Amino acid sequence: MKNRDNKQIKLGIFLMVFSGVFFAATIIIPFFDLPAKTKVVASTTSFILMEVVFWLGGLLVGKELFTRYKQKLDPRNWFKKKNDTESTSD
């Protein structure tokens, strides 16, 4: 299954990005005027849905694309400078 369908890859990427909506909901839910039990259940459900949707998208895009996009979505890599040339400072 090396040659994946383009629609399948686009759907997978969309799901990986869309999982951010559930992540945002997990952060925002505690600020709503709801009972504590409802907040806990809603936040937990949102967090679980975020993970499921992200990994489902990862399965659709395949190992190579999933690894590449996972690195791009990692906040630790957002502000790193990219070196166009191979230079080592020993």
Protein backbone atom coordinates (compact mmCIF):
# COMPACT_ATOMS: atom_id res chain seq x y z
CA MET A 1 0.00 0.00 0.00
CA LYS A 2 2.82 2.35 -0.78
CA ASN A 3 0.81 4.44 -3.25
CA ARG A 4 -1.95 5.93 -1.15
CA ASP A 5 -4.98 7.64 -2.62
CA ASN A 6 -4.64 11.44 -2.62
CA LYS A 7 -8.10 11.90 -1.04
CA GLN A 8 -7.17 9.52 1.75
CA ILE A 9 -4.00 11.50 2.50
CA LYS A 10 -5.88 14.82 2.46
CA LEU A 11 -8.52 13.41 4.82
CA GLY A 12 -5.81 12.15 7.14
CA ILE A 13 -4.07 15.54 7.21
CA PHE A 14 -7.41 17.26 7.82
CA LEU A 15 -8.13 14.93 10.76
CA MET A 16 -4.70 15.57 12.25
CA VAL A 17 -5.21 19.34 12.05
CA PHE A 18 -8.86 19.09 13.15
CA SER A 19 -7.78 17.35 16.35
CA GLY A 20 -6.60 20.82 17.42
CA VAL A 21 -10.26 21.82 17.82
CA PHE A 22 -10.69 19.16 20.50
CA PHE A 23 -7.44 20.29 22.12
CA ALA A 24 -8.73 23.87 22.26
CA ALA A 25 -12.01 22.63 23.71
CA THR A 26 -10.09 20.77 26.42
CA ILE A 27 -8.47 24.05 27.45
CA ILE A 28 -11.61 26.22 27.16
CA ILE A 29 -14.17 23.93 28.86
CA PRO A 30 -12.99 24.67 32.45
CA PHE A 31 -13.84 28.35 31.94
CA PHE A 32 -17.53 27.65 31.24
CA ASP A 33 -20.12 28.11 33.98
CA LEU A 34 -20.88 24.40 34.39
CA PRO A 35 -20.89 22.00 37.34
CA ALA A 36 -17.48 20.56 38.16
CA LYS A 37 -18.50 17.01 37.24
CA THR A 38 -19.68 18.16 33.80
CA LYS A 39 -16.42 20.03 33.23
CA VAL A 40 -14.36 16.96 34.11
CA VAL A 41 -16.40 14.64 31.88
CA ALA A 42 -16.43 17.11 28.95
CA SER A 43 -12.69 17.85 29.21
CA THR A 44 -11.81 14.17 29.43
CA THR A 45 -14.06 13.31 26.50
CA SER A 46 -12.59 16.13 24.44
CA PHE A 47 -9.04 14.99 25.23
CA ILE A 48 -9.80 11.39 24.27
CA LEU A 49 -11.49 12.50 21.04
CA MET A 50 -8.45 14.64 20.23
CA GLU A 51 -6.14 11.65 20.52
CA VAL A 52 -8.43 9.31 18.58
CA VAL A 53 -8.92 11.78 15.71
CA PHE A 54 -5.19 12.57 15.54
CA TRP A 55 -4.12 8.93 15.42
CA LEU A 56 -6.87 8.04 12.95
CA GLY A 57 -5.53 10.76 10.67
CA GLY A 58 -2.06 9.33 11.20
CA LEU A 59 -3.22 5.92 10.08
CA LEU A 60 -4.77 7.39 6.94
CA VAL A 61 -1.70 9.34 5.84
CA GLY A 62 0.77 6.56 6.48
CA LYS A 63 3.97 6.30 8.46
CA GLU A 64 6.15 8.62 6.36
CA LEU A 65 3.74 11.55 6.17
CA PHE A 66 2.58 11.06 9.75
CA THR A 67 6.13 11.32 11.07
CA ARG A 68 6.81 14.45 9.01
CA TYR A 69 3.61 16.27 10.05
CA LYS A 70 3.93 15.18 13.67
CA GLN A 71 7.34 16.90 13.79
CA LYS A 72 5.88 20.05 12.23
CA LEU A 73 3.02 20.14 14.74
CA ASP A 74 5.38 19.78 17.71
CA PRO A 75 5.69 23.21 19.40
CA ARG A 76 9.29 22.45 20.38
CA ASN A 77 10.23 22.55 16.67
CA TRP A 78 8.36 25.74 15.73
CA PHE A 79 11.14 28.23 16.44
CA LYS A 80 14.19 26.17 15.53
CA LYS A 81 16.27 27.60 12.72
CA LYS A 82 16.62 25.42 9.68
CA ASN A 83 20.13 24.96 8.34
CA ASP A 84 20.24 24.74 4.56
CA THR A 85 23.87 23.67 4.60
CA GLU A 86 25.46 20.97 6.62
CA SER A 87 27.58 22.75 9.20
CA THR A 88 28.76 21.28 12.44
CA SER A 89 30.24 23.21 15.30
CA ASP A 90 32.35 20.84 17.36
